[in-house]
Amino acid sequence: MIITLGNGGKAKFWHDRWLDGQFPKEITLSLYKLVTRKNKTVAQELKNHRWLRPLRRMSSTTEVREFILLWHLIQQVLIDEEREADLTLKWTAIGIYS
């Protein structure tokens, strides 16, 4: 599935490929284990940097390295408040599931 982020209201922060084509869960598995509310949208988590709250419990160098990577990737994301997100199926020529 291809995600056009738009306002971030449809993509799940940890479970969708919205971050440079990657799942944040997969690239930061140690951080993911610290998170208790894993089904929030990108919009919910980016608002007021809410995604940072559960990460206060970081205690290993692996978690810190993953945090730096995730922080860097998130800083490159542009949210378009005026545009709805689009979810398109990648494996069909016209992006429609049949």
PDB file of N, CA and C in Angstrom:
ATOM      1  N   MET A   1       0.839  -1.168   0.000  1.00  0.00           N
ATOM      2  CA  MET A   1       0.000   0.000   0.000  1.00  0.00           C
ATOM      3  C   MET A   1       0.893   1.242   0.000  1.00  0.00           C
ATOM      4  N   ILE A   2       0.514   2.216  -0.795  1.00  0.00           N
ATOM      5  CA  ILE A   2       1.226   3.491  -0.840  1.00  0.00           C
ATOM      6  C   ILE A   2       0.409   4.517  -0.068  1.00  0.00           C
ATOM      7  N   ILE A   3       1.045   5.233   0.810  1.00  0.00           N
ATOM      8  CA  ILE A   3       0.356   6.230   1.624  1.00  0.00           C
ATOM      9  C   ILE A   3       0.835   7.615   1.242  1.00  0.00           C
ATOM     10  N   THR A   4      -0.128   8.450   0.835  1.00  0.00           N
ATOM     11  CA  THR A   4       0.141   9.870   0.671  1.00  0.00           C
ATOM     12  C   THR A   4      -0.325  10.490   1.965  1.00  0.00           C
ATOM     13  N   LEU A   5       0.580  10.993   2.756  1.00  0.00           N
ATOM     14  CA  LEU A   5       0.310  11.352   4.136  1.00  0.00           C
ATOM     15  C   LEU A   5      -0.758  12.426   4.295  1.00  0.00           C
ATOM     16  N   GLY A   6      -0.715  13.464   3.501  1.00  0.00           N
ATOM     17  CA  GLY A   6      -1.693  14.543   3.645  1.00  0.00           C
ATOM     18  C   GLY A   6      -1.678  15.093   5.057  1.00  0.00           C
ATOM     19  N   ASN A   7      -2.839  15.089   5.717  1.00  0.00           N
ATOM     20  CA  ASN A   7      -2.927  15.605   7.080  1.00  0.00           C
ATOM     21  C   ASN A   7      -2.599  14.555   8.139  1.00  0.00           C
ATOM     22  N   GLY A   8      -2.301  13.353   7.722  1.00  0.00           N
ATOM     23  CA  GLY A   8      -1.908  12.297   8.661  1.00  0.00           C
ATOM     24  C   GLY A   8      -3.059  11.650   9.393  1.00  0.00           C
ATOM     25  N   GLY A   9      -4.281  11.912   8.973  1.00  0.00           N
ATOM     26  CA  GLY A   9      -5.440  11.415   9.683  1.00  0.00           C
ATOM     27  C   GLY A   9      -5.802   9.968   9.436  1.00  0.00           C
ATOM     28  N   LYS A  10      -5.241   9.342   8.422  1.00  0.00           N
ATOM     29  CA  LYS A  10      -5.563   7.937   8.124  1.00  0.00           C
ATOM     30  C   LYS A  10      -4.424   6.978   8.456  1.00  0.00           C
ATOM     31  N   ALA A  11      -3.209   7.410   8.280  1.00  0.00           N
ATOM     32  CA  ALA A  11      -2.056   6.523   8.481  1.00  0.00           C
ATOM     33  C   ALA A  11      -1.800   6.297   9.966  1.00  0.00           C
ATOM     34  N   LYS A  12      -1.577   5.047  10.321  1.00  0.00           N
ATOM     35  CA  LYS A  12      -1.213   4.709  11.696  1.00  0.00           C
ATOM     36  C   LYS A  12       0.275   4.989  11.898  1.00  0.00           C
ATOM     37  N   PHE A  13       0.597   5.657  12.989  1.00  0.00           N
ATOM     38  CA  PHE A  13       1.964   6.093  13.250  1.00  0.00           C
ATOM     39  C   PHE A  13       2.949   4.925  13.237  1.00  0.00           C
ATOM     40  N   TRP A  14       2.657   3.861  13.948  1.00  0.00           N
ATOM     41  CA  TRP A  14       3.603   2.755  14.085  1.00  0.00           C
ATOM     42  C   TRP A  14       3.424   1.660  13.043  1.00  0.00           C
ATOM     43  N   HIS A  15       2.246   1.531  12.441  1.00  0.00           N
ATOM     44  CA  HIS A  15       1.937   0.354  11.626  1.00  0.00           C
ATOM     45  C   HIS A  15       1.844   0.589  10.127  1.00  0.00           C
ATOM     46  N   ASP A  16       1.920   1.812   9.656  1.00  0.00           N
ATOM     47  CA  ASP A  16       1.818   2.080   8.219  1.00  0.00           C
ATOM     48  C   ASP A  16       3.140   2.591   7.661  1.00  0.00           C
ATOM     49  N   ARG A  17       3.317   2.434   6.361  1.00  0.00           N
ATOM     50  CA  ARG A  17       4.550   2.838   5.675  1.00  0.00           C
ATOM     51  C   ARG A  17       4.509   4.314   5.277  1.00  0.00           C
ATOM     52  N   TRP A  18       4.386   5.178   6.227  1.00  0.00           N
ATOM     53  CA  TRP A  18       4.282   6.610   5.943  1.00  0.00           C
ATOM     54  C   TRP A  18       5.622   7.327   6.084  1.00  0.00           C
ATOM     55  N   LEU A  19       6.591   6.681   6.649  1.00  0.00           N
ATOM     56  CA  LEU A  19       7.865   7.320   6.971  1.00  0.00           C
ATOM     57  C   LEU A  19       8.922   6.893   5.963  1.00  0.00           C
ATOM     58  N   ASP A  20       9.006   7.644   4.873  1.00  0.00           N
ATOM     59  CA  ASP A  20       9.957   7.343   3.810  1.00  0.00           C
ATOM     60  C   ASP A  20       9.782   5.902   3.309  1.00  0.00           C
ATOM     61  N   GLY A  21       8.506   5.470   3.222  1.00  0.00           N
ATOM     62  CA  GLY A  21       8.192   4.131   2.740  1.00  0.00           C
ATOM     63  C   GLY A  21       8.424   3.028   3.749  1.00  0.00           C
ATOM     64  N   GLN A  22       8.632   3.379   5.006  1.00  0.00           N
ATOM     65  CA  GLN A  22       8.942   2.392   6.034  1.00  0.00           C
ATOM     66  C   GLN A  22       7.929   2.443   7.176  1.00  0.00           C
ATOM     67  N   PHE A  23       7.804   1.335   7.886  1.00  0.00           N
ATOM     68  CA  PHE A  23       7.022   1.269   9.114  1.00  0.00           C
ATOM     69  C   PHE A  23       7.923   1.738  10.255  1.00  0.00           C
ATOM     70  N   PRO A  24       7.534   2.737  11.032  1.00  0.00           N
ATOM     71  CA  PRO A  24       8.353   3.099  12.193  1.00  0.00           C
ATOM     72  C   PRO A  24       8.573   1.911  13.134  1.00  0.00           C
ATOM     73  N   LYS A  25       7.574   1.041  13.239  1.00  0.00           N
ATOM     74  CA  LYS A  25       7.694  -0.142  14.096  1.00  0.00           C
ATOM     75  C   LYS A  25       8.891  -0.999  13.691  1.00  0.00           C
ATOM     76  N   GLU A  26       9.100  -1.174  12.390  1.00  0.00           N
ATOM     77  CA  GLU A  26      10.175  -2.047  11.921  1.00  0.00           C
ATOM     78  C   GLU A  26      11.558  -1.438  12.081  1.00  0.00           C
ATOM     79  N   ILE A  27      11.672  -0.128  11.908  1.00  0.00           N
ATOM     80  CA  ILE A  27      13.006   0.482  11.980  1.00  0.00           C
ATOM     81  C   ILE A  27      13.397   0.866  13.403  1.00  0.00           C
ATOM     82  N   THR A  28      12.418   0.854  14.319  1.00  0.00           N
ATOM     83  CA  THR A  28      12.706   1.211  15.715  1.00  0.00           C
ATOM     84  C   THR A  28      11.989   0.244  16.655  1.00  0.00           C
ATOM     85  N   LEU A  29      12.256  -1.026  16.505  1.00  0.00           N
ATOM     86  CA  LEU A  29      11.560  -2.052  17.277  1.00  0.00           C
ATOM     87  C   LEU A  29      11.718  -1.880  18.790  1.00  0.00           C
ATOM     88  N   SER A  30      12.875  -1.467  19.247  1.00  0.00           N
ATOM     89  CA  SER A  30      13.077  -1.269  20.688  1.00  0.00           C
ATOM     90  C   SER A  30      12.185  -0.149  21.219  1.00  0.00           C
ATOM     91  N   LEU A  31      12.033   0.915  20.448  1.00  0.00           N
ATOM     92  CA  LEU A  31      11.151   2.006  20.859  1.00  0.00           C
ATOM     93  C   LEU A  31       9.699   1.562  20.838  1.00  0.00           C
ATOM     94  N   TYR A  32       9.343   0.804  19.813  1.00  0.00           N
ATOM     95  CA  TYR A  32       7.974   0.308  19.683  1.00  0.00           C
ATOM     96  C   TYR A  32       7.551  -0.466  20.928  1.00  0.00           C
ATOM     97  N   LYS A  33       8.466  -1.203  21.506  1.00  0.00           N
ATOM     98  CA  LYS A  33       8.156  -1.977  22.709  1.00  0.00           C
ATOM     99  C   LYS A  33       7.832  -1.090  23.909  1.00  0.00           C
ATOM    100  N   LEU A  34       8.279   0.159  23.894  1.00  0.00           N
ATOM    101  CA  LEU A  34       8.005   1.089  24.993  1.00  0.00           C
ATOM    102  C   LEU A  34       6.617   1.732  24.891  1.00  0.00           C
ATOM    103  N   VAL A  35       6.041   1.686  23.702  1.00  0.00           N
ATOM    104  CA  VAL A  35       4.795   2.392  23.431  1.00  0.00           C
ATOM    105  C   VAL A  35       3.600   1.562  23.901  1.00  0.00           C
ATOM    106  N   THR A  36       2.657   2.214  24.581  1.00  0.00           N
ATOM    107  CA  THR A  36       1.462   1.511  25.050  1.00  0.00           C
ATOM    108  C   THR A  36       0.269   1.726  24.125  1.00  0.00           C
ATOM    109  N   ARG A  37       0.152   2.876  23.512  1.00  0.00           N
ATOM    110  CA  ARG A  37      -0.960   3.163  22.599  1.00  0.00           C
ATOM    111  C   ARG A  37      -0.439   3.126  21.168  1.00  0.00           C
ATOM    112  N   LYS A  38      -0.502   1.968  20.577  1.00  0.00           N
ATOM    113  CA  LYS A  38       0.159   1.721  19.302  1.00  0.00           C
ATOM    114  C   LYS A  38      -0.709   1.968  18.074  1.00  0.00           C
ATOM    115  N   ASN A  39      -1.963   2.315  18.229  1.00  0.00           N
ATOM    116  CA  ASN A  39      -2.854   2.470  17.077  1.00  0.00           C
ATOM    117  C   ASN A  39      -3.243   3.917  16.808  1.00  0.00           C
ATOM    118  N   LYS A  40      -2.482   4.854  17.265  1.00  0.00           N
ATOM    119  CA  LYS A  40      -2.749   6.270  17.008  1.00  0.00           C
ATOM    120  C   LYS A  40      -2.343   6.620  15.584  1.00  0.00           C
ATOM    121  N   THR A  41      -2.993   7.630  15.028  1.00  0.00           N
ATOM    122  CA  THR A  41      -2.654   8.079  13.679  1.00  0.00           C
ATOM    123  C   THR A  41      -1.413   8.968  13.717  1.00  0.00           C
ATOM    124  N   VAL A  42      -0.865   9.195  12.558  1.00  0.00           N
ATOM    125  CA  VAL A  42       0.280  10.097  12.436  1.00  0.00           C
ATOM    126  C   VAL A  42      -0.109  11.482  12.944  1.00  0.00           C
ATOM    127  N   ALA A  43      -1.286  11.951  12.563  1.00  0.00           N
ATOM    128  CA  ALA A  43      -1.741  13.274  12.998  1.00  0.00           C
ATOM    129  C   ALA A  43      -1.815  13.359  14.520  1.00  0.00           C
ATOM    130  N   GLN A  44      -2.367  12.343  15.158  1.00  0.00           N
ATOM    131  CA  GLN A  44      -2.479  12.342  16.618  1.00  0.00           C
ATOM    132  C   GLN A  44      -1.115  12.354  17.286  1.00  0.00           C
ATOM    133  N   GLU A  45      -0.194  11.573  16.764  1.00  0.00           N
ATOM    134  CA  GLU A  45       1.118  11.460  17.402  1.00  0.00           C
ATOM    135  C   GLU A  45       2.026  12.662  17.143  1.00  0.00           C
ATOM    136  N   LEU A  46       1.915  13.258  15.967  1.00  0.00           N
ATOM    137  CA  LEU A  46       2.773  14.408  15.676  1.00  0.00           C
ATOM    138  C   LEU A  46       2.283  15.688  16.352  1.00  0.00           C
ATOM    139  N   LYS A  47       0.989  15.744  16.656  1.00  0.00           N
ATOM    140  CA  LYS A  47       0.453  16.929  17.324  1.00  0.00           C
ATOM    141  C   LYS A  47       1.124  17.072  18.692  1.00  0.00           C
ATOM    142  N   ASN A  48       1.743  18.204  18.895  1.00  0.00           N
ATOM    143  CA  ASN A  48       2.453  18.498  20.145  1.00  0.00           C
ATOM    144  C   ASN A  48       3.502  17.442  20.508  1.00  0.00           C
ATOM    145  N   HIS A  49       4.021  16.760  19.504  1.00  0.00           N
ATOM    146  CA  HIS A  49       5.072  15.738  19.699  1.00  0.00           C
ATOM    147  C   HIS A  49       4.647  14.649  20.682  1.00  0.00           C
ATOM    148  N   ARG A  50       3.408  14.214  20.593  1.00  0.00           N
ATOM    149  CA  ARG A  50       2.894  13.181  21.513  1.00  0.00           C
ATOM    150  C   ARG A  50       3.646  11.863  21.402  1.00  0.00           C
ATOM    151  N   TRP A  51       4.228  11.583  20.249  1.00  0.00           N
ATOM    152  CA  TRP A  51       4.960  10.327  20.070  1.00  0.00           C
ATOM    153  C   TRP A  51       6.143  10.226  21.018  1.00  0.00           C
ATOM    154  N   LEU A  52       6.590  11.359  21.562  1.00  0.00           N
ATOM    155  CA  LEU A  52       7.736  11.363  22.462  1.00  0.00           C
ATOM    156  C   LEU A  52       7.406  10.892  23.881  1.00  0.00           C
ATOM    157  N   ARG A  53       6.181  11.034  24.293  1.00  0.00           N
ATOM    158  CA  ARG A  53       5.801  10.759  25.689  1.00  0.00           C
ATOM    159  C   ARG A  53       6.206   9.375  26.203  1.00  0.00           C
ATOM    160  N   PRO A  54       5.874   8.294  25.508  1.00  0.00           N
ATOM    161  CA  PRO A  54       6.257   6.981  26.053  1.00  0.00           C
ATOM    162  C   PRO A  54       7.757   6.719  25.991  1.00  0.00           C
ATOM    163  N   LEU A  55       8.465   7.534  25.240  1.00  0.00           N
ATOM    164  CA  LEU A  55       9.898   7.300  25.076  1.00  0.00           C
ATOM    165  C   LEU A  55      10.722   7.859  26.222  1.00  0.00           C
ATOM    166  N   ARG A  56      10.076   8.474  27.164  1.00  0.00           N
ATOM    167  CA  ARG A  56      10.774   8.958  28.362  1.00  0.00           C
ATOM    168  C   ARG A  56      11.398   7.803  29.137  1.00  0.00           C
ATOM    169  N   ARG A  57      10.902   6.607  28.884  1.00  0.00           N
ATOM    170  CA  ARG A  57      11.397   5.420  29.594  1.00  0.00           C
ATOM    171  C   ARG A  57      12.608   4.786  28.911  1.00  0.00           C
ATOM    172  N   MET A  58      13.167   5.433  27.903  1.00  0.00           N
ATOM    173  CA  MET A  58      14.335   4.866  27.221  1.00  0.00           C
ATOM    174  C   MET A  58      15.442   4.613  28.231  1.00  0.00           C
ATOM    175  N   SER A  59      16.096   3.461  28.093  1.00  0.00           N
ATOM    176  CA  SER A  59      17.137   3.139  29.068  1.00  0.00           C
ATOM    177  C   SER A  59      18.350   2.447  28.457  1.00  0.00           C
ATOM    178  N   SER A  60      18.333   2.223  27.150  1.00  0.00           N
ATOM    179  CA  SER A  60      19.476   1.542  26.534  1.00  0.00           C
ATOM    180  C   SER A  60      20.044   2.382  25.394  1.00  0.00           C
ATOM    181  N   THR A  61      21.267   2.086  25.032  1.00  0.00           N
ATOM    182  CA  THR A  61      21.890   2.798  23.920  1.00  0.00           C
ATOM    183  C   THR A  61      21.190   2.467  22.602  1.00  0.00           C
ATOM    184  N   THR A  62      20.663   1.260  22.486  1.00  0.00           N
ATOM    185  CA  THR A  62      19.904   0.884  21.281  1.00  0.00           C
ATOM    186  C   THR A  62      18.677   1.774  21.147  1.00  0.00           C
ATOM    187  N   GLU A  63      17.956   1.975  22.220  1.00  0.00           N
ATOM    188  CA  GLU A  63      16.771   2.836  22.201  1.00  0.00           C
ATOM    189  C   GLU A  63      17.133   4.267  21.839  1.00  0.00           C
ATOM    190  N   VAL A  64      18.232   4.751  22.367  1.00  0.00           N
ATOM    191  CA  VAL A  64      18.668   6.119  22.054  1.00  0.00           C
ATOM    192  C   VAL A  64      19.050   6.233  20.582  1.00  0.00           C
ATOM    193  N   ARG A  65      19.763   5.257  20.045  1.00  0.00           N
ATOM    194  CA  ARG A  65      20.119   5.264  18.621  1.00  0.00           C
ATOM    195  C   ARG A  65      18.867   5.253  17.747  1.00  0.00           C
ATOM    196  N   GLU A  66      17.914   4.404  18.100  1.00  0.00           N
ATOM    197  CA  GLU A  66      16.667   4.344  17.338  1.00  0.00           C
ATOM    198  C   GLU A  66      15.894   5.652  17.439  1.00  0.00           C
ATOM    199  N   PHE A  67      15.900   6.252  18.611  1.00  0.00           N
ATOM    200  CA  PHE A  67      15.224   7.540  18.798  1.00  0.00           C
ATOM    201  C   PHE A  67      15.826   8.609  17.889  1.00  0.00           C
ATOM    202  N   ILE A  68      17.139   8.663  17.826  1.00  0.00           N
ATOM    203  CA  ILE A  68      17.805   9.655  16.973  1.00  0.00           C
ATOM    204  C   ILE A  68      17.436   9.423  15.510  1.00  0.00           C
ATOM    205  N   LEU A  69      17.422   8.172  15.075  1.00  0.00           N
ATOM    206  CA  LEU A  69      17.032   7.841  13.706  1.00  0.00           C
ATOM    207  C   LEU A  69      15.588   8.274  13.432  1.00  0.00           C
ATOM    208  N   LEU A  70      14.679   7.913  14.330  1.00  0.00           N
ATOM    209  CA  LEU A  70      13.270   8.255  14.149  1.00  0.00           C
ATOM    210  C   LEU A  70      13.065   9.766  14.173  1.00  0.00           C
ATOM    211  N   TRP A  71      13.716  10.447  15.084  1.00  0.00           N
ATOM    212  CA  TRP A  71      13.619  11.916  15.163  1.00  0.00           C
ATOM    213  C   TRP A  71      14.061  12.545  13.841  1.00  0.00           C
ATOM    214  N   HIS A  72      15.178  12.080  13.331  1.00  0.00           N
ATOM    215  CA  HIS A  72      15.705  12.614  12.064  1.00  0.00           C
ATOM    216  C   HIS A  72      14.711  12.393  10.920  1.00  0.00           C
ATOM    217  N   LEU A  73      14.152  11.201  10.808  1.00  0.00           N
ATOM    218  CA  LEU A  73      13.196  10.906   9.747  1.00  0.00           C
ATOM    219  C   LEU A  73      11.922  11.737   9.883  1.00  0.00           C
ATOM    220  N   ILE A  74      11.436  11.893  11.098  1.00  0.00           N
ATOM    221  CA  ILE A  74      10.207  12.660  11.325  1.00  0.00           C
ATOM    222  C   ILE A  74      10.404  14.135  10.989  1.00  0.00           C
ATOM    223  N   GLN A  75      11.586  14.668  11.235  1.00  0.00           N
ATOM    224  CA  GLN A  75      11.840  16.078  10.939  1.00  0.00           C
ATOM    225  C   GLN A  75      11.739  16.381   9.450  1.00  0.00           C
ATOM    226  N   GLN A  76      11.841  15.365   8.615  1.00  0.00           N
ATOM    227  CA  GLN A  76      11.766  15.554   7.169  1.00  0.00           C
ATOM    228  C   GLN A  76      10.340  15.414   6.629  1.00  0.00           C
ATOM    229  N   VAL A  77       9.389  15.060   7.491  1.00  0.00           N
ATOM    230  CA  VAL A  77       8.006  14.836   7.071  1.00  0.00           C
ATOM    231  C   VAL A  77       7.255  16.160   7.028  1.00  0.00           C
ATOM    232  N   LEU A  78       6.504  16.346   5.947  1.00  0.00           N
ATOM    233  CA  LEU A  78       5.669  17.537   5.808  1.00  0.00           C
ATOM    234  C   LEU A  78       4.207  17.119   5.879  1.00  0.00           C
ATOM    235  N   ILE A  79       3.486  17.716   6.806  1.00  0.00           N
ATOM    236  CA  ILE A  79       2.058  17.475   6.962  1.00  0.00           C
ATOM    237  C   ILE A  79       1.311  18.570   6.218  1.00  0.00           C
ATOM    238  N   ASP A  80       0.339  18.180   5.419  1.00  0.00           N
ATOM    239  CA  ASP A  80      -0.496  19.135   4.687  1.00  0.00           C
ATOM    240  C   ASP A  80      -1.879  19.129   5.334  1.00  0.00           C
ATOM    241  N   GLU A  81      -2.127  20.088   6.209  1.00  0.00           N
ATOM    242  CA  GLU A  81      -3.374  20.156   6.969  1.00  0.00           C
ATOM    243  C   GLU A  81      -4.610  20.252   6.077  1.00  0.00           C
ATOM    244  N   GLU A  82      -4.447  20.768   4.881  1.00  0.00           N
ATOM    245  CA  GLU A  82      -5.578  20.995   3.982  1.00  0.00           C
ATOM    246  C   GLU A  82      -5.933  19.772   3.137  1.00  0.00           C
ATOM    247  N   ARG A  83      -5.114  18.758   3.162  1.00  0.00           N
ATOM    248  CA  ARG A  83      -5.294  17.622   2.254  1.00  0.00           C
ATOM    249  C   ARG A  83      -5.538  16.335   3.027  1.00  0.00           C
ATOM    250  N   GLU A  84      -6.535  15.583   2.609  1.00  0.00           N
ATOM    251  CA  GLU A  84      -6.802  14.274   3.198  1.00  0.00           C
ATOM    252  C   GLU A  84      -5.727  13.284   2.755  1.00  0.00           C
ATOM    253  N   ALA A  85      -5.485  12.300   3.569  1.00  0.00           N
ATOM    254  CA  ALA A  85      -4.537  11.249   3.219  1.00  0.00           C
ATOM    255  C   ALA A  85      -5.140  10.332   2.165  1.00  0.00           C
ATOM    256  N   ASP A  86      -4.285   9.725   1.352  1.00  0.00           N
ATOM    257  CA  ASP A  86      -4.711   8.755   0.360  1.00  0.00           C
ATOM    258  C   ASP A  86      -4.023   7.436   0.640  1.00  0.00           C
ATOM    259  N   LEU A  87      -4.774   6.367   0.556  1.00  0.00           N
ATOM    260  CA  LEU A  87      -4.226   5.022   0.665  1.00  0.00           C
ATOM    261  C   LEU A  87      -4.467   4.344  -0.678  1.00  0.00           C
ATOM    262  N   THR A  88      -3.400   3.953  -1.358  1.00  0.00           N
ATOM    263  CA  THR A  88      -3.504   3.358  -2.681  1.00  0.00           C
ATOM    264  C   THR A  88      -2.854   1.983  -2.660  1.00  0.00           C
ATOM    265  N   LEU A  89      -3.510   1.027  -3.268  1.00  0.00           N
ATOM    266  CA  LEU A  89      -2.941  -0.309  -3.343  1.00  0.00           C
ATOM    267  C   LEU A  89      -1.835  -0.332  -4.386  1.00  0.00           C
ATOM    268  N   LYS A  90      -0.686  -0.753  -3.990  1.00  0.00           N
ATOM    269  CA  LYS A  90       0.500  -0.704  -4.834  1.00  0.00           C
ATOM    270  C   LYS A  90       0.494  -1.737  -5.956  1.00  0.00           C
ATOM    271  N   TRP A  91      -0.113  -2.884  -5.738  1.00  0.00           N
ATOM    272  CA  TRP A  91       0.036  -3.973  -6.689  1.00  0.00           C
ATOM    273  C   TRP A  91      -0.921  -3.941  -7.871  1.00  0.00           C
ATOM    274  N   THR A  92      -1.808  -2.963  -7.955  1.00  0.00           N
ATOM    275  CA  THR A  92      -2.664  -2.869  -9.136  1.00  0.00           C
ATOM    276  C   THR A  92      -2.229  -1.696 -10.002  1.00  0.00           C
ATOM    277  N   ALA A  93      -2.431  -1.827 -11.277  1.00  0.00           N
ATOM    278  CA  ALA A  93      -1.991  -0.777 -12.221  1.00  0.00           C
ATOM    279  C   ALA A  93      -2.683   0.543 -11.983  1.00  0.00           C
ATOM    280  N   ILE A  94      -3.944   0.502 -11.577  1.00  0.00           N
ATOM    281  CA  ILE A  94      -4.681   1.761 -11.369  1.00  0.00           C
ATOM    282  C   ILE A  94      -4.946   2.035  -9.904  1.00  0.00           C
ATOM    283  N   GLY A  95      -4.367   1.247  -9.018  1.00  0.00           N
ATOM    284  CA  GLY A  95      -4.493   1.492  -7.585  1.00  0.00           C
ATOM    285  C   GLY A  95      -5.829   1.114  -6.988  1.00  0.00           C
ATOM    286  N   ILE A  96      -6.529   0.174  -7.605  1.00  0.00           N
ATOM    287  CA  ILE A  96      -7.822  -0.267  -7.095  1.00  0.00           C
ATOM    288  C   ILE A  96      -7.756  -1.748  -6.772  1.00  0.00           C
ATOM    289  N   TYR A  97      -8.267  -2.095  -5.624  1.00  0.00           N
ATOM    290  CA  TYR A  97      -8.323  -3.496  -5.218  1.00  0.00           C
ATOM    291  C   TYR A  97      -9.564  -4.136  -5.812  1.00  0.00           C
ATOM    292  N   SER A  98      -9.421  -5.299  -6.386  1.00  0.00           N
ATOM    293  CA  SER A  98     -10.598  -5.979  -6.932  1.00  0.00           C
ATOM    294  C   SER A  98     -10.712  -7.377  -6.347  1.00  0.00           C
TER     295      SER A  98
END
